Amino acid sequence: MALLQRTSTINLARKQTGQAKRAVRTQALFGWGKKDEAQEYKDYEKEEMFRAQQEMLEARRSGKALEGANMRRKQVAETVASRKAARRAEREALGRGEMPDSLKEWRG
């Protein structure tokens, strides 16, 4: 009987002081939900990657990407043409019996 009175006295004391039993939050135990600097940096990287992707998609939609691709194709075509002309000149020089400057070191 004394035990029952003591328990009820403790419960009464808790009610009066407002200290009810509270569930422990998972965040307090494991740290879930807290953002640390590493997580914030990852989030920042994801946002930057998403922004870059959106800019690329916008460039594709507006045709700006095609302009850049055409410029690169033009530069490649010019480079290939100059190399073909150099090889053609080498073959002509070899046909005349001359050693072209570009092949002098090759002969060794």
PDB file of N, CA and C in Angstrom:
ATOM      1  N   MET A   1       0.805  -1.184   0.000  1.00  0.00           N
ATOM      2  CA  MET A   1       0.000   0.000   0.000  1.00  0.00           C
ATOM      3  C   MET A   1       0.851   1.250   0.000  1.00  0.00           C
ATOM      4  N   ALA A   2       1.937   1.163   0.767  1.00  0.00           N
ATOM      5  CA  ALA A   2       2.840   2.315   0.846  1.00  0.00           C
ATOM      6  C   ALA A   2       3.478   2.559  -0.515  1.00  0.00           C
ATOM      7  N   LEU A   3       3.727   1.476  -1.233  1.00  0.00           N
ATOM      8  CA  LEU A   3       4.335   1.598  -2.553  1.00  0.00           C
ATOM      9  C   LEU A   3       3.387   2.296  -3.514  1.00  0.00           C
ATOM     10  N   LEU A   4       2.116   1.957  -3.443  1.00  0.00           N
ATOM     11  CA  LEU A   4       1.133   2.585  -4.296  1.00  0.00           C
ATOM     12  C   LEU A   4       1.014   4.072  -3.995  1.00  0.00           C
ATOM     13  N   GLN A   5       1.063   4.419  -2.733  1.00  0.00           N
ATOM     14  CA  GLN A   5       0.973   5.837  -2.373  1.00  0.00           C
ATOM     15  C   GLN A   5       2.196   6.586  -2.895  1.00  0.00           C
ATOM     16  N   ARG A   6       3.343   5.964  -2.808  1.00  0.00           N
ATOM     17  CA  ARG A   6       4.570   6.627  -3.264  1.00  0.00           C
ATOM     18  C   ARG A   6       4.520   6.844  -4.773  1.00  0.00           C
ATOM     19  N   THR A   7       4.071   5.853  -5.547  1.00  0.00           N
ATOM     20  CA  THR A   7       3.977   5.973  -6.996  1.00  0.00           C
ATOM     21  C   THR A   7       3.003   7.068  -7.376  1.00  0.00           C
ATOM     22  N   SER A   8       1.880   7.095  -6.721  1.00  0.00           N
ATOM     23  CA  SER A   8       0.913   8.138  -7.043  1.00  0.00           C
ATOM     24  C   SER A   8       1.441   9.510  -6.656  1.00  0.00           C
ATOM     25  N   THR A   9       2.231   9.579  -5.618  1.00  0.00           N
ATOM     26  CA  THR A   9       2.827  10.855  -5.214  1.00  0.00           C
ATOM     27  C   THR A   9       3.818  11.327  -6.271  1.00  0.00           C
ATOM     28  N   ILE A  10       4.597  10.401  -6.837  1.00  0.00           N
ATOM     29  CA  ILE A  10       5.557  10.773  -7.885  1.00  0.00           C
ATOM     30  C   ILE A  10       4.820  11.245  -9.124  1.00  0.00           C
ATOM     31  N   ASN A  11       3.767  10.516  -9.519  1.00  0.00           N
ATOM     32  CA  ASN A  11       2.987  10.917 -10.684  1.00  0.00           C
ATOM     33  C   ASN A  11       2.351  12.275 -10.466  1.00  0.00           C
ATOM     34  N   LEU A  12       1.861  12.525  -9.262  1.00  0.00           N
ATOM     35  CA  LEU A  12       1.279  13.819  -8.938  1.00  0.00           C
ATOM     36  C   LEU A  12       2.324  14.919  -9.024  1.00  0.00           C
ATOM     37  N   ALA A  13       3.516  14.625  -8.554  1.00  0.00           N
ATOM     38  CA  ALA A  13       4.587  15.610  -8.581  1.00  0.00           C
ATOM     39  C   ALA A  13       4.965  15.930 -10.027  1.00  0.00           C
ATOM     40  N   ARG A  14       4.991  14.919 -10.880  1.00  0.00           N
ATOM     41  CA  ARG A  14       5.311  15.158 -12.300  1.00  0.00           C
ATOM     42  C   ARG A  14       4.253  16.027 -12.959  1.00  0.00           C
ATOM     43  N   LYS A  15       3.018  15.752 -12.670  1.00  0.00           N
ATOM     44  CA  LYS A  15       1.931  16.531 -13.262  1.00  0.00           C
ATOM     45  C   LYS A  15       1.996  17.979 -12.800  1.00  0.00           C
ATOM     46  N   GLN A  16       2.335  18.169 -11.560  1.00  0.00           N
ATOM     47  CA  GLN A  16       2.368  19.530 -11.035  1.00  0.00           C
ATOM     48  C   GLN A  16       3.543  20.316 -11.608  1.00  0.00           C
ATOM     49  N   THR A  17       4.681  19.684 -11.782  1.00  0.00           N
ATOM     50  CA  THR A  17       5.859  20.403 -12.288  1.00  0.00           C
ATOM     51  C   THR A  17       5.910  20.421 -13.806  1.00  0.00           C
ATOM     52  N   GLY A  18       5.075  19.655 -14.461  1.00  0.00           N
ATOM     53  CA  GLY A  18       5.046  19.638 -15.920  1.00  0.00           C
ATOM     54  C   GLY A  18       6.112  18.743 -16.520  1.00  0.00           C
ATOM     55  N   GLN A  19       6.704  17.881 -15.740  1.00  0.00           N
ATOM     56  CA  GLN A  19       7.731  16.991 -16.255  1.00  0.00           C
ATOM     57  C   GLN A  19       7.120  15.643 -16.607  1.00  0.00           C
ATOM     58  N   ALA A  20       6.422  15.592 -17.666  1.00  0.00           N
ATOM     59  CA  ALA A  20       5.855  14.320 -18.111  1.00  0.00           C
ATOM     60  C   ALA A  20       6.929  13.540 -18.842  1.00  0.00           C
ATOM     61  N   LYS A  21       6.750  12.221 -18.924  1.00  0.00           N
ATOM     62  CA  LYS A  21       7.695  11.413 -19.674  1.00  0.00           C
ATOM     63  C   LYS A  21       7.601  11.807 -21.143  1.00  0.00           C
ATOM     64  N   ARG A  22       8.735  12.082 -21.730  1.00  0.00           N
ATOM     65  CA  ARG A  22       8.746  12.469 -23.139  1.00  0.00           C
ATOM     66  C   ARG A  22       9.538  11.427 -23.916  1.00  0.00           C
ATOM     67  N   ALA A  23       9.097  11.204 -25.120  1.00  0.00           N
ATOM     68  CA  ALA A  23       9.809  10.259 -25.972  1.00  0.00           C
ATOM     69  C   ALA A  23      11.106  10.916 -26.445  1.00  0.00           C
ATOM     70  N   VAL A  24      12.150  10.153 -26.497  1.00  0.00           N
ATOM     71  CA  VAL A  24      13.431  10.661 -26.960  1.00  0.00           C
ATOM     72  C   VAL A  24      13.390  10.712 -28.477  1.00  0.00           C
ATOM     73  N   ARG A  25      13.736  11.855 -29.029  1.00  0.00           N
ATOM     74  CA  ARG A  25      13.692  12.012 -30.482  1.00  0.00           C
ATOM     75  C   ARG A  25      14.850  11.260 -31.123  1.00  0.00           C
ATOM     76  N   THR A  26      14.588  10.693 -32.289  1.00  0.00           N
ATOM     77  CA  THR A  26      15.604   9.931 -32.998  1.00  0.00           C
ATOM     78  C   THR A  26      16.778  10.827 -33.367  1.00  0.00           C
ATOM     79  N   GLN A  27      16.498  12.056 -33.678  1.00  0.00           N
ATOM     80  CA  GLN A  27      17.555  12.994 -34.046  1.00  0.00           C
ATOM     81  C   GLN A  27      18.561  13.146 -32.906  1.00  0.00           C
ATOM     82  N   ALA A  28      18.058  13.160 -31.697  1.00  0.00           N
ATOM     83  CA  ALA A  28      18.945  13.314 -30.550  1.00  0.00           C
ATOM     84  C   ALA A  28      19.848  12.096 -30.385  1.00  0.00           C
ATOM     85  N   LEU A  29      19.361  10.926 -30.756  1.00  0.00           N
ATOM     86  CA  LEU A  29      20.154   9.712 -30.602  1.00  0.00           C
ATOM     87  C   LEU A  29      21.180   9.538 -31.716  1.00  0.00           C
ATOM     88  N   PHE A  30      20.777   9.749 -32.942  1.00  0.00           N
ATOM     89  CA  PHE A  30      21.628   9.415 -34.080  1.00  0.00           C
ATOM     90  C   PHE A  30      22.102  10.620 -34.873  1.00  0.00           C
ATOM     91  N   GLY A  31      21.591  11.793 -34.614  1.00  0.00           N
ATOM     92  CA  GLY A  31      22.001  12.965 -35.358  1.00  0.00           C
ATOM     93  C   GLY A  31      21.316  13.111 -36.701  1.00  0.00           C
ATOM     94  N   TRP A  32      20.249  12.352 -36.927  1.00  0.00           N
ATOM     95  CA  TRP A  32      19.541  12.467 -38.196  1.00  0.00           C
ATOM     96  C   TRP A  32      18.858  13.818 -38.272  1.00  0.00           C
ATOM     97  N   GLY A  33      18.854  14.382 -39.446  1.00  0.00           N
ATOM     98  CA  GLY A  33      18.153  15.638 -39.640  1.00  0.00           C
ATOM     99  C   GLY A  33      19.034  16.844 -39.423  1.00  0.00           C
ATOM    100  N   LYS A  34      20.162  16.656 -38.800  1.00  0.00           N
ATOM    101  CA  LYS A  34      21.073  17.774 -38.616  1.00  0.00           C
ATOM    102  C   LYS A  34      21.897  17.935 -39.878  1.00  0.00           C
ATOM    103  N   LYS A  35      22.165  19.160 -40.260  1.00  0.00           N
ATOM    104  CA  LYS A  35      22.978  19.415 -41.436  1.00  0.00           C
ATOM    105  C   LYS A  35      24.362  19.841 -40.979  1.00  0.00           C
ATOM    106  N   ASP A  36      25.341  19.099 -41.409  1.00  0.00           N
ATOM    107  CA  ASP A  36      26.706  19.501 -41.115  1.00  0.00           C
ATOM    108  C   ASP A  36      27.288  20.167 -42.365  1.00  0.00           C
ATOM    109  N   GLU A  37      28.500  20.646 -42.268  1.00  0.00           N
ATOM    110  CA  GLU A  37      29.099  21.383 -43.376  1.00  0.00           C
ATOM    111  C   GLU A  37      29.317  20.495 -44.594  1.00  0.00           C
ATOM    112  N   ALA A  38      29.652  19.239 -44.381  1.00  0.00           N
ATOM    113  CA  ALA A  38      29.862  18.338 -45.510  1.00  0.00           C
ATOM    114  C   ALA A  38      28.570  18.148 -46.298  1.00  0.00           C
ATOM    115  N   GLN A  39      27.461  17.998 -45.585  1.00  0.00           N
ATOM    116  CA  GLN A  39      26.172  17.833 -46.256  1.00  0.00           C
ATOM    117  C   GLN A  39      25.777  19.110 -46.984  1.00  0.00           C
ATOM    118  N   GLU A  40      26.031  20.253 -46.373  1.00  0.00           N
ATOM    119  CA  GLU A  40      25.711  21.523 -47.030  1.00  0.00           C
ATOM    120  C   GLU A  40      26.539  21.687 -48.298  1.00  0.00           C
ATOM    121  N   TYR A  41      27.807  21.268 -48.265  1.00  0.00           N
ATOM    122  CA  TYR A  41      28.654  21.356 -49.454  1.00  0.00           C
ATOM    123  C   TYR A  41      28.143  20.432 -50.550  1.00  0.00           C
ATOM    124  N   LYS A  42      27.697  19.215 -50.174  1.00  0.00           N
ATOM    125  CA  LYS A  42      27.122  18.295 -51.160  1.00  0.00           C
ATOM    126  C   LYS A  42      25.878  18.900 -51.795  1.00  0.00           C
ATOM    127  N   ASP A  43      25.034  19.504 -50.966  1.00  0.00           N
ATOM    128  CA  ASP A  43      23.824  20.140 -51.482  1.00  0.00           C
ATOM    129  C   ASP A  43      24.186  21.269 -52.441  1.00  0.00           C
ATOM    130  N   TYR A  44      25.207  22.040 -52.087  1.00  0.00           N
ATOM    131  CA  TYR A  44      25.646  23.143 -52.939  1.00  0.00           C
ATOM    132  C   TYR A  44      26.153  22.604 -54.276  1.00  0.00           C
ATOM    133  N   GLU A  45      26.935  21.524 -54.240  1.00  0.00           N
ATOM    134  CA  GLU A  45      27.431  20.914 -55.475  1.00  0.00           C
ATOM    135  C   GLU A  45      26.286  20.425 -56.353  1.00  0.00           C
ATOM    136  N   LYS A  46      25.278  19.813 -55.736  1.00  0.00           N
ATOM    137  CA  LYS A  46      24.126  19.323 -56.494  1.00  0.00           C
ATOM    138  C   LYS A  46      23.393  20.483 -57.152  1.00  0.00           C
ATOM    139  N   GLU A  47      23.227  21.578 -56.416  1.00  0.00           N
ATOM    140  CA  GLU A  47      22.538  22.743 -56.977  1.00  0.00           C
ATOM    141  C   GLU A  47      23.324  23.328 -58.141  1.00  0.00           C
ATOM    142  N   GLU A  48      24.652  23.393 -58.019  1.00  0.00           N
ATOM    143  CA  GLU A  48      25.473  23.925 -59.091  1.00  0.00           C
ATOM    144  C   GLU A  48      25.412  23.015 -60.322  1.00  0.00           C
ATOM    145  N   MET A  49      25.432  21.704 -60.116  1.00  0.00           N
ATOM    146  CA  MET A  49      25.349  20.767 -61.224  1.00  0.00           C
ATOM    147  C   MET A  49      23.994  20.899 -61.922  1.00  0.00           C
ATOM    148  N   PHE A  50      22.934  21.020 -61.135  1.00  0.00           N
ATOM    149  CA  PHE A  50      21.603  21.180 -61.702  1.00  0.00           C
ATOM    150  C   PHE A  50      21.517  22.476 -62.513  1.00  0.00           C
ATOM    151  N   ARG A  51      22.105  23.557 -61.981  1.00  0.00           N
ATOM    152  CA  ARG A  51      22.086  24.843 -62.685  1.00  0.00           C
ATOM    153  C   ARG A  51      22.831  24.733 -64.015  1.00  0.00           C
ATOM    154  N   ALA A  52      23.983  24.072 -64.015  1.00  0.00           N
ATOM    155  CA  ALA A  52      24.756  23.902 -65.252  1.00  0.00           C
ATOM    156  C   ALA A  52      23.980  23.077 -66.271  1.00  0.00           C
ATOM    157  N   GLN A  53      23.297  22.037 -65.808  1.00  0.00           N
ATOM    158  CA  GLN A  53      22.493  21.211 -66.716  1.00  0.00           C
ATOM    159  C   GLN A  53      21.358  22.032 -67.325  1.00  0.00           C
ATOM    160  N   GLN A  54      20.737  22.858 -66.503  1.00  0.00           N
ATOM    161  CA  GLN A  54      19.640  23.682 -67.009  1.00  0.00           C
ATOM    162  C   GLN A  54      20.143  24.689 -68.042  1.00  0.00           C
ATOM    163  N   GLU A  55      21.330  25.256 -67.808  1.00  0.00           N
ATOM    164  CA  GLU A  55      21.898  26.188 -68.790  1.00  0.00           C
ATOM    165  C   GLU A  55      22.191  25.472 -70.108  1.00  0.00           C
ATOM    166  N   MET A  56      22.708  24.240 -70.025  1.00  0.00           N
ATOM    167  CA  MET A  56      23.002  23.480 -71.234  1.00  0.00           C
ATOM    168  C   MET A  56      21.715  23.159 -71.993  1.00  0.00           C
ATOM    169  N   LEU A  57      20.687  22.772 -71.264  1.00  0.00           N
ATOM    170  CA  LEU A  57      19.407  22.475 -71.922  1.00  0.00           C
ATOM    171  C   LEU A  57      18.827  23.720 -72.578  1.00  0.00           C
ATOM    172  N   GLU A  58      18.950  24.851 -71.911  1.00  0.00           N
ATOM    173  CA  GLU A  58      18.444  26.104 -72.485  1.00  0.00           C
ATOM    174  C   GLU A  58      19.214  26.464 -73.751  1.00  0.00           C
ATOM    175  N   ALA A  59      20.525  26.230 -73.741  1.00  0.00           N
ATOM    176  CA  ALA A  59      21.332  26.503 -74.931  1.00  0.00           C
ATOM    177  C   ALA A  59      20.917  25.588 -76.077  1.00  0.00           C
ATOM    178  N   ARG A  60      20.600  24.336 -75.774  1.00  0.00           N
ATOM    179  CA  ARG A  60      20.143  23.418 -76.819  1.00  0.00           C
ATOM    180  C   ARG A  60      18.821  23.883 -77.411  1.00  0.00           C
ATOM    181  N   ARG A  61      17.927  24.302 -76.534  1.00  0.00           N
ATOM    182  CA  ARG A  61      16.603  24.723 -77.010  1.00  0.00           C
ATOM    183  C   ARG A  61      16.683  25.976 -77.873  1.00  0.00           C
ATOM    184  N   SER A  62      17.581  26.881 -77.524  1.00  0.00           N
ATOM    185  CA  SER A  62      17.648  28.148 -78.243  1.00  0.00           C
ATOM    186  C   SER A  62      18.531  28.080 -79.485  1.00  0.00           C
ATOM    187  N   GLY A  63      19.289  27.000 -79.673  1.00  0.00           N
ATOM    188  CA  GLY A  63      20.127  26.863 -80.861  1.00  0.00           C
ATOM    189  C   GLY A  63      21.547  27.362 -80.663  1.00  0.00           C
ATOM    190  N   LYS A  64      21.890  27.842 -79.489  1.00  0.00           N
ATOM    191  CA  LYS A  64      23.250  28.319 -79.239  1.00  0.00           C
ATOM    192  C   LYS A  64      24.249  27.178 -79.263  1.00  0.00           C
ATOM    193  N   ALA A  65      23.815  26.006 -78.874  1.00  0.00           N
ATOM    194  CA  ALA A  65      24.714  24.854 -78.870  1.00  0.00           C
ATOM    195  C   ALA A  65      25.111  24.484 -80.294  1.00  0.00           C
ATOM    196  N   LEU A  66      24.206  24.651 -81.253  1.00  0.00           N
ATOM    197  CA  LEU A  66      24.515  24.346 -82.647  1.00  0.00           C
ATOM    198  C   LEU A  66      25.549  25.309 -83.199  1.00  0.00           C
ATOM    199  N   GLU A  67      25.478  26.568 -82.797  1.00  0.00           N
ATOM    200  CA  GLU A  67      26.459  27.542 -83.260  1.00  0.00           C
ATOM    201  C   GLU A  67      27.859  27.144 -82.806  1.00  0.00           C
ATOM    202  N   GLY A  68      27.972  26.755 -81.545  1.00  0.00           N
ATOM    203  CA  GLY A  68      29.270  26.322 -81.027  1.00  0.00           C
ATOM    204  C   GLY A  68      29.770  25.069 -81.720  1.00  0.00           C
ATOM    205  N   ALA A  69      28.870  24.138 -81.967  1.00  0.00           N
ATOM    206  CA  ALA A  69      29.255  22.894 -82.649  1.00  0.00           C
ATOM    207  C   ALA A  69      29.705  23.182 -84.075  1.00  0.00           C
ATOM    208  N   ASN A  70      29.021  24.084 -84.750  1.00  0.00           N
ATOM    209  CA  ASN A  70      29.412  24.433 -86.119  1.00  0.00           C
ATOM    210  C   ASN A  70      30.783  25.100 -86.148  1.00  0.00           C
ATOM    211  N   MET A  71      31.071  25.937 -85.144  1.00  0.00           N
ATOM    212  CA  MET A  71      32.395  26.573 -85.067  1.00  0.00           C
ATOM    213  C   MET A  71      33.483  25.518 -84.863  1.00  0.00           C
ATOM    214  N   ARG A  72      33.225  24.550 -83.977  1.00  0.00           N
ATOM    215  CA  ARG A  72      34.207  23.483 -83.745  1.00  0.00           C
ATOM    216  C   ARG A  72      34.401  22.641 -85.002  1.00  0.00           C
ATOM    217  N   ARG A  73      33.317  22.337 -85.704  1.00  0.00           N
ATOM    218  CA  ARG A  73      33.424  21.561 -86.945  1.00  0.00           C
ATOM    219  C   ARG A  73      34.254  22.302 -87.983  1.00  0.00           C
ATOM    220  N   LYS A  74      34.054  23.602 -88.065  1.00  0.00           N
ATOM    221  CA  LYS A  74      34.798  24.421 -89.019  1.00  0.00           C
ATOM    222  C   LYS A  74      36.291  24.400 -88.689  1.00  0.00           C
ATOM    223  N   GLN A  75      36.627  24.533 -87.395  1.00  0.00           N
ATOM    224  CA  GLN A  75      38.033  24.502 -86.991  1.00  0.00           C
ATOM    225  C   GLN A  75      38.661  23.149 -87.297  1.00  0.00           C
ATOM    226  N   VAL A  76      37.933  22.068 -87.055  1.00  0.00           N
ATOM    227  CA  VAL A  76      38.447  20.727 -87.331  1.00  0.00           C
ATOM    228  C   VAL A  76      38.653  20.548 -88.827  1.00  0.00           C
ATOM    229  N   ALA A  77      37.712  21.015 -89.624  1.00  0.00           N
ATOM    230  CA  ALA A  77      37.836  20.893 -91.082  1.00  0.00           C
ATOM    231  C   ALA A  77      39.056  21.657 -91.586  1.00  0.00           C
ATOM    232  N   GLU A  78      39.298  22.852 -91.034  1.00  0.00           N
ATOM    233  CA  GLU A  78      40.473  23.631 -91.434  1.00  0.00           C
ATOM    234  C   GLU A  78      41.762  22.912 -91.038  1.00  0.00           C
ATOM    235  N   THR A  79      41.807  22.335 -89.856  1.00  0.00           N
ATOM    236  CA  THR A  79      42.995  21.616 -89.395  1.00  0.00           C
ATOM    237  C   THR A  79      43.267  20.400 -90.272  1.00  0.00           C
ATOM    238  N   VAL A  80      42.226  19.644 -90.584  1.00  0.00           N
ATOM    239  CA  VAL A  80      42.381  18.459 -91.428  1.00  0.00           C
ATOM    240  C   VAL A  80      42.840  18.864 -92.825  1.00  0.00           C
ATOM    241  N   ALA A  81      42.283  19.943 -93.347  1.00  0.00           N
ATOM    242  CA  ALA A  81      42.676  20.406 -94.680  1.00  0.00           C
ATOM    243  C   ALA A  81      44.138  20.830 -94.704  1.00  0.00           C
ATOM    244  N   SER A  82      44.595  21.509 -93.654  1.00  0.00           N
ATOM    245  CA  SER A  82      45.997  21.940 -93.628  1.00  0.00           C
ATOM    246  C   SER A  82      46.931  20.728 -93.520  1.00  0.00           C
ATOM    247  N   ARG A  83      46.556  19.727 -92.771  1.00  0.00           N
ATOM    248  CA  ARG A  83      47.377  18.519 -92.663  1.00  0.00           C
ATOM    249  C   ARG A  83      47.427  17.760 -93.988  1.00  0.00           C
ATOM    250  N   LYS A  84      46.285  17.703 -94.674  1.00  0.00           N
ATOM    251  CA  LYS A  84      46.261  17.039 -95.983  1.00  0.00           C
ATOM    252  C   LYS A  84      47.149  17.774 -96.975  1.00  0.00           C
ATOM    253  N   ALA A  85      47.113  19.096 -96.932  1.00  0.00           N
ATOM    254  CA  ALA A  85      47.947  19.886 -97.841  1.00  0.00           C
ATOM    255  C   ALA A  85      49.427  19.660 -97.541  1.00  0.00           C
ATOM    256  N   ALA A  86      49.774  19.565 -96.245  1.00  0.00           N
ATOM    257  CA  ALA A  86      51.167  19.322 -95.873  1.00  0.00           C
ATOM    258  C   ALA A  86      51.615  17.948 -96.360  1.00  0.00           C
ATOM    259  N   ARG A  87      50.802  16.935 -96.211  1.00  0.00           N
ATOM    260  CA  ARG A  87      51.156  15.587 -96.670  1.00  0.00           C
ATOM    261  C   ARG A  87      51.269  15.543 -98.200  1.00  0.00           C
ATOM    262  N   ARG A  88      50.374  16.268 -98.858  1.00  0.00           N
ATOM    263  CA  ARG A  88      50.422  16.318-100.318  1.00  0.00           C
ATOM    264  C   ARG A  88      51.737  16.960-100.772  1.00  0.00           C
ATOM    265  N   ALA A  89      52.138  18.043-100.078  1.00  0.00           N
ATOM    266  CA  ALA A  89      53.398  18.711-100.418  1.00  0.00           C
ATOM    267  C   ALA A  89      54.584  17.780-100.164  1.00  0.00           C
ATOM    268  N   GLU A  90      54.535  17.005 -99.097  1.00  0.00           N
ATOM    269  CA  GLU A  90      55.605  16.040 -98.812  1.00  0.00           C
ATOM    270  C   GLU A  90      55.706  14.997 -99.918  1.00  0.00           C
ATOM    271  N   ARG A  91      54.557  14.473-100.339  1.00  0.00           N
ATOM    272  CA  ARG A  91      54.564  13.459-101.400  1.00  0.00           C
ATOM    273  C   ARG A  91      55.122  14.023-102.710  1.00  0.00           C
ATOM    274  N   GLU A  92      54.744  15.252-103.029  1.00  0.00           N
ATOM    275  CA  GLU A  92      55.240  15.881-104.258  1.00  0.00           C
ATOM    276  C   GLU A  92      56.745  16.094-104.183  1.00  0.00           C
ATOM    277  N   ALA A  93      57.233  16.523-103.005  1.00  0.00           N
ATOM    278  CA  ALA A  93      58.668  16.741-102.850  1.00  0.00           C
ATOM    279  C   ALA A  93      59.422  15.412-102.956  1.00  0.00           C
ATOM    280  N   LEU A  94      58.870  14.362-102.349  1.00  0.00           N
ATOM    281  CA  LEU A  94      59.498  13.047-102.455  1.00  0.00           C
ATOM    282  C   LEU A  94      59.488  12.546-103.898  1.00  0.00           C
ATOM    283  N   GLY A  95      58.418  12.861-104.620  1.00  0.00           N
ATOM    284  CA  GLY A  95      58.319  12.470-106.028  1.00  0.00           C
ATOM    285  C   GLY A  95      59.366  13.166-106.875  1.00  0.00           C
ATOM    286  N   ARG A  96      59.756  14.361-106.519  1.00  0.00           N
ATOM    287  CA  ARG A  96      60.794  15.092-107.240  1.00  0.00           C
ATOM    288  C   ARG A  96      62.194  14.675-106.782  1.00  0.00           C
ATOM    289  N   GLY A  97      62.252  13.850-105.740  1.00  0.00           N
ATOM    290  CA  GLY A  97      63.536  13.387-105.241  1.00  0.00           C
ATOM    291  C   GLY A  97      64.101  14.276-104.148  1.00  0.00           C
ATOM    292  N   GLU A  98      63.324  15.165-103.623  1.00  0.00           N
ATOM    293  CA  GLU A  98      63.769  16.066-102.560  1.00  0.00           C
ATOM    294  C   GLU A  98      63.315  15.533-101.212  1.00  0.00           C
ATOM    295  N   MET A  99      64.065  15.872-100.195  1.00  0.00           N
ATOM    296  CA  MET A  99      63.678  15.481 -98.834  1.00  0.00           C
ATOM    297  C   MET A  99      62.971  16.680 -98.182  1.00  0.00           C
ATOM    298  N   PRO A 100      61.669  16.547 -97.845  1.00  0.00           N
ATOM    299  CA  PRO A 100      60.969  17.660 -97.192  1.00  0.00           C
ATOM    300  C   PRO A 100      61.525  17.905 -95.791  1.00  0.00           C
ATOM    301  N   ASP A 101      61.414  19.136 -95.335  1.00  0.00           N
ATOM    302  CA  ASP A 101      61.914  19.514 -94.007  1.00  0.00           C
ATOM    303  C   ASP A 101      61.246  18.707 -92.908  1.00  0.00           C
ATOM    304  N   SER A 102      59.977  18.395 -93.067  1.00  0.00           N
ATOM    305  CA  SER A 102      59.254  17.673 -92.025  1.00  0.00           C
ATOM    306  C   SER A 102      59.727  16.237 -91.865  1.00  0.00           C
ATOM    307  N   LEU A 103      60.403  15.685 -92.900  1.00  0.00           N
ATOM    308  CA  LEU A 103      60.847  14.295 -92.827  1.00  0.00           C
ATOM    309  C   LEU A 103      62.353  14.148 -92.640  1.00  0.00           C
ATOM    310  N   LYS A 104      63.106  15.230 -92.539  1.00  0.00           N
ATOM    311  CA  LYS A 104      64.559  15.141 -92.391  1.00  0.00           C
ATOM    312  C   LYS A 104      64.947  14.451 -91.091  1.00  0.00           C
ATOM    313  N   GLU A 105      64.245  14.734 -90.014  1.00  0.00           N
ATOM    314  CA  GLU A 105      64.568  14.101 -88.736  1.00  0.00           C
ATOM    315  C   GLU A 105      64.135  12.633 -88.722  1.00  0.00           C
ATOM    316  N   TRP A 106      63.138  12.283 -89.499  1.00  0.00           N
ATOM    317  CA  TRP A 106      62.653  10.907 -89.537  1.00  0.00           C
ATOM    318  C   TRP A 106      63.716   9.969 -90.128  1.00  0.00           C
ATOM    319  N   ARG A 107      64.438  10.474 -91.098  1.00  0.00           N
ATOM    320  CA  ARG A 107      65.423   9.645 -91.798  1.00  0.00           C
ATOM    321  C   ARG A 107      66.524   9.217 -90.839  1.00  0.00           C
ATOM    322  N   GLY A 108      66.873  10.087 -89.937  1.00  0.00           N
ATOM    323  CA  GLY A 108      67.795   9.783 -88.860  1.00  0.00           C
ATOM    324  C   GLY A 108      69.133   9.458 -89.313  1.00  0.00           C
TER     325      GLY A 108
END
